[in-house]
Amino acid sequence: ISLLPLLKGENPKNWRKSLYYHFYEYPAEHAVKRHYGVRTDKYKLIHFYDDIDAWELYDLEKDPTEMHNVFDDPEYGKVVDFMNRELVRLQKQYNDTFALSLNRFMIE
């Protein structure tokens, strides 16, 4: 999808609302464990895997520096569900079958 409309200052109505990423490079210069995640303008959901199995959720409006993991906070239960559905949707869209196989919360 072309970035040209954004560079022209336009705001396409059909522009994506979330971004998927998968970080494979460990061990390496950055020493960040392997993980994948999804980010919206308000939240970021991350799953660390390989030699660990840890989930993190950040409320980027309340915690822009990502210091407080709210994944296990009951008040964020619906957000976790929404973000995980978005994560699975994007993993399927980008055919990241490896990451899909690791997601124990995968929702069909």
PDB file of N, CA and C in Angstrom:
ATOM      1  N   ILE A   1       0.859  -1.172   0.000  1.00  0.00           N
ATOM      2  CA  ILE A   1       0.000   0.000   0.000  1.00  0.00           C
ATOM      3  C   ILE A   1       0.900   1.229   0.000  1.00  0.00           C
ATOM      4  N   SER A   2       0.634   2.109  -0.898  1.00  0.00           N
ATOM      5  CA  SER A   2       1.470   3.286  -1.068  1.00  0.00           C
ATOM      6  C   SER A   2       1.340   4.254   0.109  1.00  0.00           C
ATOM      7  N   LEU A   3       2.480   4.803   0.508  1.00  0.00           N
ATOM      8  CA  LEU A   3       2.514   5.832   1.548  1.00  0.00           C
ATOM      9  C   LEU A   3       2.329   7.238   0.974  1.00  0.00           C
ATOM     10  N   LEU A   4       2.264   7.336  -0.329  1.00  0.00           N
ATOM     11  CA  LEU A   4       2.199   8.631  -0.983  1.00  0.00           C
ATOM     12  C   LEU A   4       1.072   9.527  -0.455  1.00  0.00           C
ATOM     13  N   PRO A   5      -0.144   9.017  -0.270  1.00  0.00           N
ATOM     14  CA  PRO A   5      -1.191   9.904   0.265  1.00  0.00           C
ATOM     15  C   PRO A   5      -0.821  10.518   1.615  1.00  0.00           C
ATOM     16  N   LEU A   6      -0.178   9.727   2.485  1.00  0.00           N
ATOM     17  CA  LEU A   6       0.233  10.256   3.788  1.00  0.00           C
ATOM     18  C   LEU A   6       1.295  11.333   3.628  1.00  0.00           C
ATOM     19  N   LEU A   7       2.232  11.102   2.723  1.00  0.00           N
ATOM     20  CA  LEU A   7       3.291  12.081   2.488  1.00  0.00           C
ATOM     21  C   LEU A   7       2.754  13.380   1.906  1.00  0.00           C
ATOM     22  N   LYS A   8       1.605  13.289   1.239  1.00  0.00           N
ATOM     23  CA  LYS A   8       0.955  14.483   0.689  1.00  0.00           C
ATOM     24  C   LYS A   8       0.064  15.165   1.722  1.00  0.00           C
ATOM     25  N   GLY A   9       0.024  14.612   2.932  1.00  0.00           N
ATOM     26  CA  GLY A   9      -0.793  15.201   3.987  1.00  0.00           C
ATOM     27  C   GLY A   9      -2.240  14.750   3.965  1.00  0.00           C
ATOM     28  N   GLU A  10      -2.546  13.757   3.144  1.00  0.00           N
ATOM     29  CA  GLU A  10      -3.913  13.233   3.067  1.00  0.00           C
ATOM     30  C   GLU A  10      -4.123  12.194   4.160  1.00  0.00           C
ATOM     31  N   ASN A  11      -5.380  11.947   4.483  1.00  0.00           N
ATOM     32  CA  ASN A  11      -5.739  10.950   5.483  1.00  0.00           C
ATOM     33  C   ASN A  11      -6.750   9.986   4.869  1.00  0.00           C
ATOM     34  N   PRO A  12      -6.270   8.966   4.155  1.00  0.00           N
ATOM     35  CA  PRO A  12      -7.192   8.037   3.491  1.00  0.00           C
ATOM     36  C   PRO A  12      -8.121   7.356   4.487  1.00  0.00           C
ATOM     37  N   LYS A  13      -9.398   7.263   4.151  1.00  0.00           N
ATOM     38  CA  LYS A  13     -10.385   6.651   5.046  1.00  0.00           C
ATOM     39  C   LYS A  13     -10.123   5.161   5.246  1.00  0.00           C
ATOM     40  N   ASN A  14      -9.547   4.525   4.240  1.00  0.00           N
ATOM     41  CA  ASN A  14      -9.317   3.092   4.337  1.00  0.00           C
ATOM     42  C   ASN A  14      -7.914   2.754   4.847  1.00  0.00           C
ATOM     43  N   TRP A  15      -7.224   3.738   5.439  1.00  0.00           N
ATOM     44  CA  TRP A  15      -5.868   3.500   5.926  1.00  0.00           C
ATOM     45  C   TRP A  15      -5.915   2.583   7.145  1.00  0.00           C
ATOM     46  N   ARG A  16      -4.901   1.766   7.310  1.00  0.00           N
ATOM     47  CA  ARG A  16      -4.877   0.791   8.403  1.00  0.00           C
ATOM     48  C   ARG A  16      -4.957   1.476   9.777  1.00  0.00           C
ATOM     49  N   LYS A  17      -5.554   0.764  10.701  1.00  0.00           N
ATOM     50  CA  LYS A  17      -5.726   1.260  12.066  1.00  0.00           C
ATOM     51  C   LYS A  17      -4.736   0.613  13.033  1.00  0.00           C
ATOM     52  N   SER A  18      -3.982  -0.381  12.528  1.00  0.00           N
ATOM     53  CA  SER A  18      -3.024  -1.071  13.385  1.00  0.00           C
ATOM     54  C   SER A  18      -1.814  -1.498  12.558  1.00  0.00           C
ATOM     55  N   LEU A  19      -0.751  -1.849  13.272  1.00  0.00           N
ATOM     56  CA  LEU A  19       0.496  -2.252  12.638  1.00  0.00           C
ATOM     57  C   LEU A  19       0.985  -3.533  13.302  1.00  0.00           C
ATOM     58  N   TYR A  20       1.369  -4.507  12.488  1.00  0.00           N
ATOM     59  CA  TYR A  20       1.922  -5.770  12.979  1.00  0.00           C
ATOM     60  C   TYR A  20       3.422  -5.784  12.752  1.00  0.00           C
ATOM     61  N   TYR A  21       4.156  -6.353  13.692  1.00  0.00           N
ATOM     62  CA  TYR A  21       5.596  -6.524  13.499  1.00  0.00           C
ATOM     63  C   TYR A  21       6.048  -7.829  14.154  1.00  0.00           C
ATOM     64  N   HIS A  22       7.177  -8.334  13.686  1.00  0.00           N
ATOM     65  CA  HIS A  22       7.769  -9.558  14.235  1.00  0.00           C
ATOM     66  C   HIS A  22       9.277  -9.334  14.310  1.00  0.00           C
ATOM     67  N   PHE A  23       9.838  -9.387  15.511  1.00  0.00           N
ATOM     68  CA  PHE A  23      11.249  -9.128  15.753  1.00  0.00           C
ATOM     69  C   PHE A  23      11.966 -10.460  15.985  1.00  0.00           C
ATOM     70  N   TYR A  24      12.825 -10.849  15.046  1.00  0.00           N
ATOM     71  CA  TYR A  24      13.508 -12.144  15.092  1.00  0.00           C
ATOM     72  C   TYR A  24      14.939 -12.066  15.606  1.00  0.00           C
ATOM     73  N   GLU A  25      15.547 -10.923  15.571  1.00  0.00           N
ATOM     74  CA  GLU A  25      16.987 -10.775  15.721  1.00  0.00           C
ATOM     75  C   GLU A  25      17.441 -10.855  17.181  1.00  0.00           C
ATOM     76  N   TYR A  26      17.677 -12.073  17.658  1.00  0.00           N
ATOM     77  CA  TYR A  26      18.221 -12.274  19.001  1.00  0.00           C
ATOM     78  C   TYR A  26      19.015 -13.562  19.011  1.00  0.00           C
ATOM     79  N   PRO A  27      20.151 -13.658  19.609  1.00  0.00           N
ATOM     80  CA  PRO A  27      20.872 -12.547  20.225  1.00  0.00           C
ATOM     81  C   PRO A  27      21.579 -11.720  19.161  1.00  0.00           C
ATOM     82  N   ALA A  28      21.609 -10.471  19.380  1.00  0.00           N
ATOM     83  CA  ALA A  28      22.251  -9.558  18.436  1.00  0.00           C
ATOM     84  C   ALA A  28      22.538  -8.243  19.148  1.00  0.00           C
ATOM     85  N   GLU A  29      22.821  -7.240  18.360  1.00  0.00           N
ATOM     86  CA  GLU A  29      23.235  -5.942  18.893  1.00  0.00           C
ATOM     87  C   GLU A  29      22.264  -5.352  19.909  1.00  0.00           C
ATOM     88  N   HIS A  30      20.974  -5.470  19.630  1.00  0.00           N
ATOM     89  CA  HIS A  30      19.986  -4.818  20.492  1.00  0.00           C
ATOM     90  C   HIS A  30      19.631  -5.629  21.726  1.00  0.00           C
ATOM     91  N   ALA A  31      19.930  -6.925  21.716  1.00  0.00           N
ATOM     92  CA  ALA A  31      19.639  -7.819  22.846  1.00  0.00           C
ATOM     93  C   ALA A  31      18.174  -7.765  23.273  1.00  0.00           C
ATOM     94  N   VAL A  32      17.283  -7.661  22.297  1.00  0.00           N
ATOM     95  CA  VAL A  32      15.845  -7.696  22.562  1.00  0.00           C
ATOM     96  C   VAL A  32      15.356  -9.093  22.203  1.00  0.00           C
ATOM     97  N   LYS A  33      14.696  -9.744  23.139  1.00  0.00           N
ATOM     98  CA  LYS A  33      14.201 -11.104  22.912  1.00  0.00           C
ATOM     99  C   LYS A  33      13.258 -11.148  21.713  1.00  0.00           C
ATOM    100  N   ARG A  34      13.182 -12.318  21.101  1.00  0.00           N
ATOM    101  CA  ARG A  34      12.275 -12.499  19.960  1.00  0.00           C
ATOM    102  C   ARG A  34      10.841 -12.253  20.412  1.00  0.00           C
ATOM    103  N   HIS A  35      10.122 -11.506  19.595  1.00  0.00           N
ATOM    104  CA  HIS A  35       8.733 -11.207  19.919  1.00  0.00           C
ATOM    105  C   HIS A  35       7.991 -10.722  18.674  1.00  0.00           C
ATOM    106  N   TYR A  36       6.683 -10.710  18.783  1.00  0.00           N
ATOM    107  CA  TYR A  36       5.834 -10.115  17.768  1.00  0.00           C
ATOM    108  C   TYR A  36       4.776  -9.294  18.483  1.00  0.00           C
ATOM    109  N   GLY A  37       4.137  -8.408  17.747  1.00  0.00           N
ATOM    110  CA  GLY A  37       3.146  -7.570  18.398  1.00  0.00           C
ATOM    111  C   GLY A  37       2.278  -6.816  17.422  1.00  0.00           C
ATOM    112  N   VAL A  38       1.310  -6.155  17.997  1.00  0.00           N
ATOM    113  CA  VAL A  38       0.407  -5.308  17.231  1.00  0.00           C
ATOM    114  C   VAL A  38       0.274  -3.991  17.981  1.00  0.00           C
ATOM    115  N   ARG A  39       0.213  -2.908  17.215  1.00  0.00           N
ATOM    116  CA  ARG A  39       0.111  -1.576  17.814  1.00  0.00           C
ATOM    117  C   ARG A  39      -0.996  -0.799  17.135  1.00  0.00           C
ATOM    118  N   THR A  40      -1.793  -0.139  17.945  1.00  0.00           N
ATOM    119  CA  THR A  40      -2.790   0.803  17.445  1.00  0.00           C
ATOM    120  C   THR A  40      -2.377   2.180  17.960  1.00  0.00           C
ATOM    121  N   ASP A  41      -3.201   3.174  17.710  1.00  0.00           N
ATOM    122  CA  ASP A  41      -2.861   4.499  18.232  1.00  0.00           C
ATOM    123  C   ASP A  41      -2.954   4.545  19.757  1.00  0.00           C
ATOM    124  N   LYS A  42      -3.684   3.590  20.367  1.00  0.00           N
ATOM    125  CA  LYS A  42      -3.908   3.630  21.811  1.00  0.00           C
ATOM    126  C   LYS A  42      -3.227   2.507  22.597  1.00  0.00           C
ATOM    127  N   TYR A  43      -3.033   1.333  21.971  1.00  0.00           N
ATOM    128  CA  TYR A  43      -2.522   0.178  22.701  1.00  0.00           C
ATOM    129  C   TYR A  43      -1.408  -0.534  21.933  1.00  0.00           C
ATOM    130  N   LYS A  44      -0.625  -1.302  22.696  1.00  0.00           N
ATOM    131  CA  LYS A  44       0.408  -2.147  22.100  1.00  0.00           C
ATOM    132  C   LYS A  44       0.401  -3.480  22.839  1.00  0.00           C
ATOM    133  N   LEU A  45       0.213  -4.568  22.072  1.00  0.00           N
ATOM    134  CA  LEU A  45       0.223  -5.926  22.614  1.00  0.00           C
ATOM    135  C   LEU A  45       1.452  -6.642  22.073  1.00  0.00           C
ATOM    136  N   ILE A  46       2.216  -7.271  22.963  1.00  0.00           N
ATOM    137  CA  ILE A  46       3.465  -7.922  22.610  1.00  0.00           C
ATOM    138  C   ILE A  46       3.484  -9.336  23.179  1.00  0.00           C
ATOM    139  N   HIS A  47       4.011 -10.290  22.393  1.00  0.00           N
ATOM    140  CA  HIS A  47       4.251 -11.645  22.905  1.00  0.00           C
ATOM    141  C   HIS A  47       5.709 -11.989  22.697  1.00  0.00           C
ATOM    142  N   PHE A  48       6.438 -12.167  23.806  1.00  0.00           N
ATOM    143  CA  PHE A  48       7.825 -12.634  23.771  1.00  0.00           C
ATOM    144  C   PHE A  48       7.800 -14.156  23.775  1.00  0.00           C
ATOM    145  N   TYR A  49       8.648 -14.767  22.963  1.00  0.00           N
ATOM    146  CA  TYR A  49       8.664 -16.229  22.852  1.00  0.00           C
ATOM    147  C   TYR A  49      10.098 -16.723  22.734  1.00  0.00           C
ATOM    148  N   ASP A  50      10.264 -17.969  22.502  1.00  0.00           N
ATOM    149  CA  ASP A  50      11.514 -18.701  22.324  1.00  0.00           C
ATOM    150  C   ASP A  50      11.894 -19.285  23.672  1.00  0.00           C
ATOM    151  N   ASP A  51      12.783 -18.650  24.427  1.00  0.00           N
ATOM    152  CA  ASP A  51      13.160 -19.195  25.725  1.00  0.00           C
ATOM    153  C   ASP A  51      12.322 -18.598  26.867  1.00  0.00           C
ATOM    154  N   ILE A  52      11.352 -17.738  26.511  1.00  0.00           N
ATOM    155  CA  ILE A  52      10.410 -17.192  27.486  1.00  0.00           C
ATOM    156  C   ILE A  52       9.015 -17.210  26.859  1.00  0.00           C
ATOM    157  N   ASP A  53       8.006 -17.036  27.660  1.00  0.00           N
ATOM    158  CA  ASP A  53       6.628 -16.924  27.172  1.00  0.00           C
ATOM    159  C   ASP A  53       5.968 -15.831  27.997  1.00  0.00           C
ATOM    160  N   ALA A  54       6.027 -14.609  27.483  1.00  0.00           N
ATOM    161  CA  ALA A  54       5.515 -13.476  28.251  1.00  0.00           C
ATOM    162  C   ALA A  54       4.690 -12.571  27.352  1.00  0.00           C
ATOM    163  N   TRP A  55       3.575 -12.105  27.896  1.00  0.00           N
ATOM    164  CA  TRP A  55       2.689 -11.181  27.190  1.00  0.00           C
ATOM    165  C   TRP A  55       2.738  -9.830  27.883  1.00  0.00           C
ATOM    166  N   GLU A  56       2.682  -8.768  27.081  1.00  0.00           N
ATOM    167  CA  GLU A  56       2.640  -7.415  27.621  1.00  0.00           C
ATOM    168  C   GLU A  56       1.614  -6.600  26.862  1.00  0.00           C
ATOM    169  N   LEU A  57       0.910  -5.761  27.574  1.00  0.00           N
ATOM    170  CA  LEU A  57      -0.039  -4.819  26.983  1.00  0.00           C
ATOM    171  C   LEU A  57       0.225  -3.457  27.594  1.00  0.00           C
ATOM    172  N   TYR A  58       0.302  -2.458  26.739  1.00  0.00           N
ATOM    173  CA  TYR A  58       0.527  -1.095  27.212  1.00  0.00           C
ATOM    174  C   TYR A  58      -0.574  -0.180  26.714  1.00  0.00           C
ATOM    175  N   ASP A  59      -1.063   0.659  27.601  1.00  0.00           N
ATOM    176  CA  ASP A  59      -2.018   1.701  27.267  1.00  0.00           C
ATOM    177  C   ASP A  59      -1.176   2.921  26.913  1.00  0.00           C
ATOM    178  N   LEU A  60      -1.013   3.183  25.635  1.00  0.00           N
ATOM    179  CA  LEU A  60      -0.091   4.213  25.170  1.00  0.00           C
ATOM    180  C   LEU A  60      -0.560   5.632  25.474  1.00  0.00           C
ATOM    181  N   GLU A  61      -1.846   5.809  25.732  1.00  0.00           N
ATOM    182  CA  GLU A  61      -2.331   7.139  26.123  1.00  0.00           C
ATOM    183  C   GLU A  61      -1.954   7.446  27.570  1.00  0.00           C
ATOM    184  N   LYS A  62      -2.130   6.459  28.449  1.00  0.00           N
ATOM    185  CA  LYS A  62      -1.828   6.649  29.871  1.00  0.00           C
ATOM    186  C   LYS A  62      -0.353   6.403  30.192  1.00  0.00           C
ATOM    187  N   ASP A  63       0.300   5.603  29.361  1.00  0.00           N
ATOM    188  CA  ASP A  63       1.666   5.167  29.642  1.00  0.00           C
ATOM    189  C   ASP A  63       2.499   5.166  28.350  1.00  0.00           C
ATOM    190  N   PRO A  64       2.786   6.340  27.804  1.00  0.00           N
ATOM    191  CA  PRO A  64       3.486   6.404  26.510  1.00  0.00           C
ATOM    192  C   PRO A  64       4.915   5.859  26.549  1.00  0.00           C
ATOM    193  N   THR A  65       5.506   5.744  27.724  1.00  0.00           N
ATOM    194  CA  THR A  65       6.873   5.213  27.816  1.00  0.00           C
ATOM    195  C   THR A  65       6.890   3.703  28.070  1.00  0.00           C
ATOM    196  N   GLU A  66       5.713   3.082  28.068  1.00  0.00           N
ATOM    197  CA  GLU A  66       5.567   1.625  28.205  1.00  0.00           C
ATOM    198  C   GLU A  66       6.282   1.086  29.442  1.00  0.00           C
ATOM    199  N   MET A  67       5.943   1.647  30.573  1.00  0.00           N
ATOM    200  CA  MET A  67       6.557   1.241  31.835  1.00  0.00           C
ATOM    201  C   MET A  67       5.658   0.316  32.667  1.00  0.00           C
ATOM    202  N   HIS A  68       4.346   0.284  32.368  1.00  0.00           N
ATOM    203  CA  HIS A  68       3.397  -0.473  33.192  1.00  0.00           C
ATOM    204  C   HIS A  68       2.620  -1.462  32.332  1.00  0.00           C
ATOM    205  N   ASN A  69       2.981  -2.732  32.442  1.00  0.00           N
ATOM    206  CA  ASN A  69       2.315  -3.800  31.719  1.00  0.00           C
ATOM    207  C   ASN A  69       0.942  -4.043  32.352  1.00  0.00           C
ATOM    208  N   VAL A  70      -0.130  -3.873  31.578  1.00  0.00           N
ATOM    209  CA  VAL A  70      -1.494  -4.049  32.097  1.00  0.00           C
ATOM    210  C   VAL A  70      -2.152  -5.313  31.541  1.00  0.00           C
ATOM    211  N   PHE A  71      -1.359  -6.221  30.986  1.00  0.00           N
ATOM    212  CA  PHE A  71      -1.920  -7.420  30.371  1.00  0.00           C
ATOM    213  C   PHE A  71      -2.801  -8.211  31.331  1.00  0.00           C
ATOM    214  N   ASP A  72      -2.386  -8.345  32.573  1.00  0.00           N
ATOM    215  CA  ASP A  72      -3.149  -9.136  33.555  1.00  0.00           C
ATOM    216  C   ASP A  72      -4.144  -8.312  34.362  1.00  0.00           C
ATOM    217  N   ASP A  73      -4.279  -7.041  34.057  1.00  0.00           N
ATOM    218  CA  ASP A  73      -5.227  -6.173  34.763  1.00  0.00           C
ATOM    219  C   ASP A  73      -6.641  -6.478  34.254  1.00  0.00           C
ATOM    220  N   PRO A  74      -7.546  -6.909  35.145  1.00  0.00           N
ATOM    221  CA  PRO A  74      -8.906  -7.250  34.727  1.00  0.00           C
ATOM    222  C   PRO A  74      -9.634  -6.111  33.997  1.00  0.00           C
ATOM    223  N   GLU A  75      -9.288  -4.869  34.302  1.00  0.00           N
ATOM    224  CA  GLU A  75      -9.931  -3.732  33.639  1.00  0.00           C
ATOM    225  C   GLU A  75      -9.607  -3.682  32.148  1.00  0.00           C
ATOM    226  N   TYR A  76      -8.547  -4.361  31.732  1.00  0.00           N
ATOM    227  CA  TYR A  76      -8.134  -4.359  30.335  1.00  0.00           C
ATOM    228  C   TYR A  76      -8.494  -5.657  29.619  1.00  0.00           C
ATOM    229  N   GLY A  77      -9.334  -6.473  30.215  1.00  0.00           N
ATOM    230  CA  GLY A  77      -9.715  -7.756  29.612  1.00  0.00           C
ATOM    231  C   GLY A  77     -10.276  -7.622  28.205  1.00  0.00           C
ATOM    232  N   LYS A  78     -11.172  -6.675  28.001  1.00  0.00           N
ATOM    233  CA  LYS A  78     -11.766  -6.479  26.672  1.00  0.00           C
ATOM    234  C   LYS A  78     -10.732  -5.955  25.681  1.00  0.00           C
ATOM    235  N   VAL A  79      -9.804  -5.146  26.159  1.00  0.00           N
ATOM    236  CA  VAL A  79      -8.735  -4.626  25.297  1.00  0.00           C
ATOM    237  C   VAL A  79      -7.815  -5.770  24.874  1.00  0.00           C
ATOM    238  N   VAL A  80      -7.459  -6.650  25.823  1.00  0.00           N
ATOM    239  CA  VAL A  80      -6.621  -7.806  25.498  1.00  0.00           C
ATOM    240  C   VAL A  80      -7.303  -8.637  24.419  1.00  0.00           C
ATOM    241  N   ASP A  81      -8.595  -8.884  24.581  1.00  0.00           N
ATOM    242  CA  ASP A  81      -9.346  -9.669  23.602  1.00  0.00           C
ATOM    243  C   ASP A  81      -9.340  -8.985  22.230  1.00  0.00           C
ATOM    244  N   PHE A  82      -9.640  -7.690  22.203  1.00  0.00           N
ATOM    245  CA  PHE A  82      -9.656  -6.948  20.939  1.00  0.00           C
ATOM    246  C   PHE A  82      -8.280  -6.966  20.268  1.00  0.00           C
ATOM    247  N   MET A  83      -7.238  -6.675  21.047  1.00  0.00           N
ATOM    248  CA  MET A  83      -5.896  -6.609  20.480  1.00  0.00           C
ATOM    249  C   MET A  83      -5.426  -7.976  19.998  1.00  0.00           C
ATOM    250  N   ASN A  84      -5.790  -9.030  20.715  1.00  0.00           N
ATOM    251  CA  ASN A  84      -5.394 -10.358  20.267  1.00  0.00           C
ATOM    252  C   ASN A  84      -6.122 -10.744  18.984  1.00  0.00           C
ATOM    253  N   ARG A  85      -7.376 -10.362  18.863  1.00  0.00           N
ATOM    254  CA  ARG A  85      -8.099 -10.617  17.609  1.00  0.00           C
ATOM    255  C   ARG A  85      -7.428  -9.878  16.447  1.00  0.00           C
ATOM    256  N   GLU A  86      -7.001  -8.665  16.699  1.00  0.00           N
ATOM    257  CA  GLU A  86      -6.304  -7.885  15.670  1.00  0.00           C
ATOM    258  C   GLU A  86      -4.949  -8.517  15.350  1.00  0.00           C
ATOM    259  N   LEU A  87      -4.263  -8.994  16.374  1.00  0.00           N
ATOM    260  CA  LEU A  87      -2.982  -9.667  16.184  1.00  0.00           C
ATOM    261  C   LEU A  87      -3.147 -10.894  15.285  1.00  0.00           C
ATOM    262  N   VAL A  88      -4.108 -11.732  15.593  1.00  0.00           N
ATOM    263  CA  VAL A  88      -4.354 -12.942  14.797  1.00  0.00           C
ATOM    264  C   VAL A  88      -4.763 -12.571  13.374  1.00  0.00           C
ATOM    265  N   ARG A  89      -5.614 -11.570  13.232  1.00  0.00           N
ATOM    266  CA  ARG A  89      -6.044 -11.138  11.886  1.00  0.00           C
ATOM    267  C   ARG A  89      -4.831 -10.744  11.042  1.00  0.00           C
ATOM    268  N   LEU A  90      -3.929  -9.983  11.619  1.00  0.00           N
ATOM    269  CA  LEU A  90      -2.758  -9.526  10.868  1.00  0.00           C
ATOM    270  C   LEU A  90      -1.750 -10.652  10.639  1.00  0.00           C
ATOM    271  N   GLN A  91      -1.615 -11.558  11.596  1.00  0.00           N
ATOM    272  CA  GLN A  91      -0.731 -12.710  11.377  1.00  0.00           C
ATOM    273  C   GLN A  91      -1.237 -13.553  10.205  1.00  0.00           C
ATOM    274  N   LYS A  92      -2.531 -13.689  10.122  1.00  0.00           N
ATOM    275  CA  LYS A  92      -3.110 -14.416   8.985  1.00  0.00           C
ATOM    276  C   LYS A  92      -2.922 -13.622   7.688  1.00  0.00           C
ATOM    277  N   GLN A  93      -3.173 -12.330   7.746  1.00  0.00           N
ATOM    278  CA  GLN A  93      -3.030 -11.484   6.558  1.00  0.00           C
ATOM    279  C   GLN A  93      -1.618 -11.567   5.987  1.00  0.00           C
ATOM    280  N   TYR A  94      -0.623 -11.549   6.875  1.00  0.00           N
ATOM    281  CA  TYR A  94       0.772 -11.580   6.429  1.00  0.00           C
ATOM    282  C   TYR A  94       1.362 -12.990   6.408  1.00  0.00           C
ATOM    283  N   ASN A  95       0.495 -13.983   6.622  1.00  0.00           N
ATOM    284  CA  ASN A  95       0.880 -15.395   6.546  1.00  0.00           C
ATOM    285  C   ASN A  95       2.050 -15.718   7.488  1.00  0.00           C
ATOM    286  N   ASP A  96       2.007 -15.178   8.695  1.00  0.00           N
ATOM    287  CA  ASP A  96       3.024 -15.480   9.699  1.00  0.00           C
ATOM    288  C   ASP A  96       2.563 -16.709  10.478  1.00  0.00           C
ATOM    289  N   THR A  97       2.625 -17.859   9.826  1.00  0.00           N
ATOM    290  CA  THR A  97       2.135 -19.098  10.425  1.00  0.00           C
ATOM    291  C   THR A  97       2.950 -19.507  11.642  1.00  0.00           C
ATOM    292  N   PHE A  98       4.236 -19.155  11.654  1.00  0.00           N
ATOM    293  CA  PHE A  98       5.072 -19.465  12.817  1.00  0.00           C
ATOM    294  C   PHE A  98       4.529 -18.754  14.058  1.00  0.00           C
ATOM    295  N   ALA A  99       4.290 -17.464  13.960  1.00  0.00           N
ATOM    296  CA  ALA A  99       3.761 -16.707  15.101  1.00  0.00           C
ATOM    297  C   ALA A  99       2.374 -17.200  15.485  1.00  0.00           C
ATOM    298  N   LEU A 100       1.537 -17.504  14.503  1.00  0.00           N
ATOM    299  CA  LEU A 100       0.205 -18.029  14.804  1.00  0.00           C
ATOM    300  C   LEU A 100       0.298 -19.303  15.633  1.00  0.00           C
ATOM    301  N   SER A 101       1.274 -20.130  15.330  1.00  0.00           N
ATOM    302  CA  SER A 101       1.413 -21.402  16.054  1.00  0.00           C
ATOM    303  C   SER A 101       1.822 -21.192  17.512  1.00  0.00           C
ATOM    304  N   LEU A 102       2.404 -20.029  17.820  1.00  0.00           N
ATOM    305  CA  LEU A 102       2.850 -19.738  19.192  1.00  0.00           C
ATOM    306  C   LEU A 102       1.778 -19.066  20.039  1.00  0.00           C
ATOM    307  N   ASN A 103       0.754 -18.538  19.424  1.00  0.00           N
ATOM    308  CA  ASN A 103      -0.239 -17.742  20.132  1.00  0.00           C
ATOM    309  C   ASN A 103      -1.254 -18.651  20.817  1.00  0.00           C
ATOM    310  N   ARG A 104      -1.069 -18.872  22.119  1.00  0.00           N
ATOM    311  CA  ARG A 104      -1.976 -19.758  22.851  1.00  0.00           C
ATOM    312  C   ARG A 104      -3.358 -19.149  23.028  1.00  0.00           C
ATOM    313  N   PHE A 105      -3.486 -17.869  22.782  1.00  0.00           N
ATOM    314  CA  PHE A 105      -4.768 -17.191  22.888  1.00  0.00           C
ATOM    315  C   PHE A 105      -5.444 -17.043  21.523  1.00  0.00           C
ATOM    316  N   MET A 106      -4.948 -17.774  20.533  1.00  0.00           N
ATOM    317  CA  MET A 106      -5.470 -17.612  19.175  1.00  0.00           C
ATOM    318  C   MET A 106      -6.980 -17.805  19.158  1.00  0.00           C
ATOM    319  N   ILE A 107      -7.653 -16.878  18.552  1.00  0.00           N
ATOM    320  CA  ILE A 107      -9.103 -16.888  18.455  1.00  0.00           C
ATOM    321  C   ILE A 107      -9.455 -17.039  16.984  1.00  0.00           C
ATOM    322  N   GLU A 108     -10.279 -17.998  16.696  1.00  0.00           N
ATOM    323  CA  GLU A 108     -10.681 -18.215  15.281  1.00  0.00           C
ATOM    324  C   GLU A 108     -11.738 -17.230  14.874  1.00  0.00           C
TER     325      GLU A 108
END
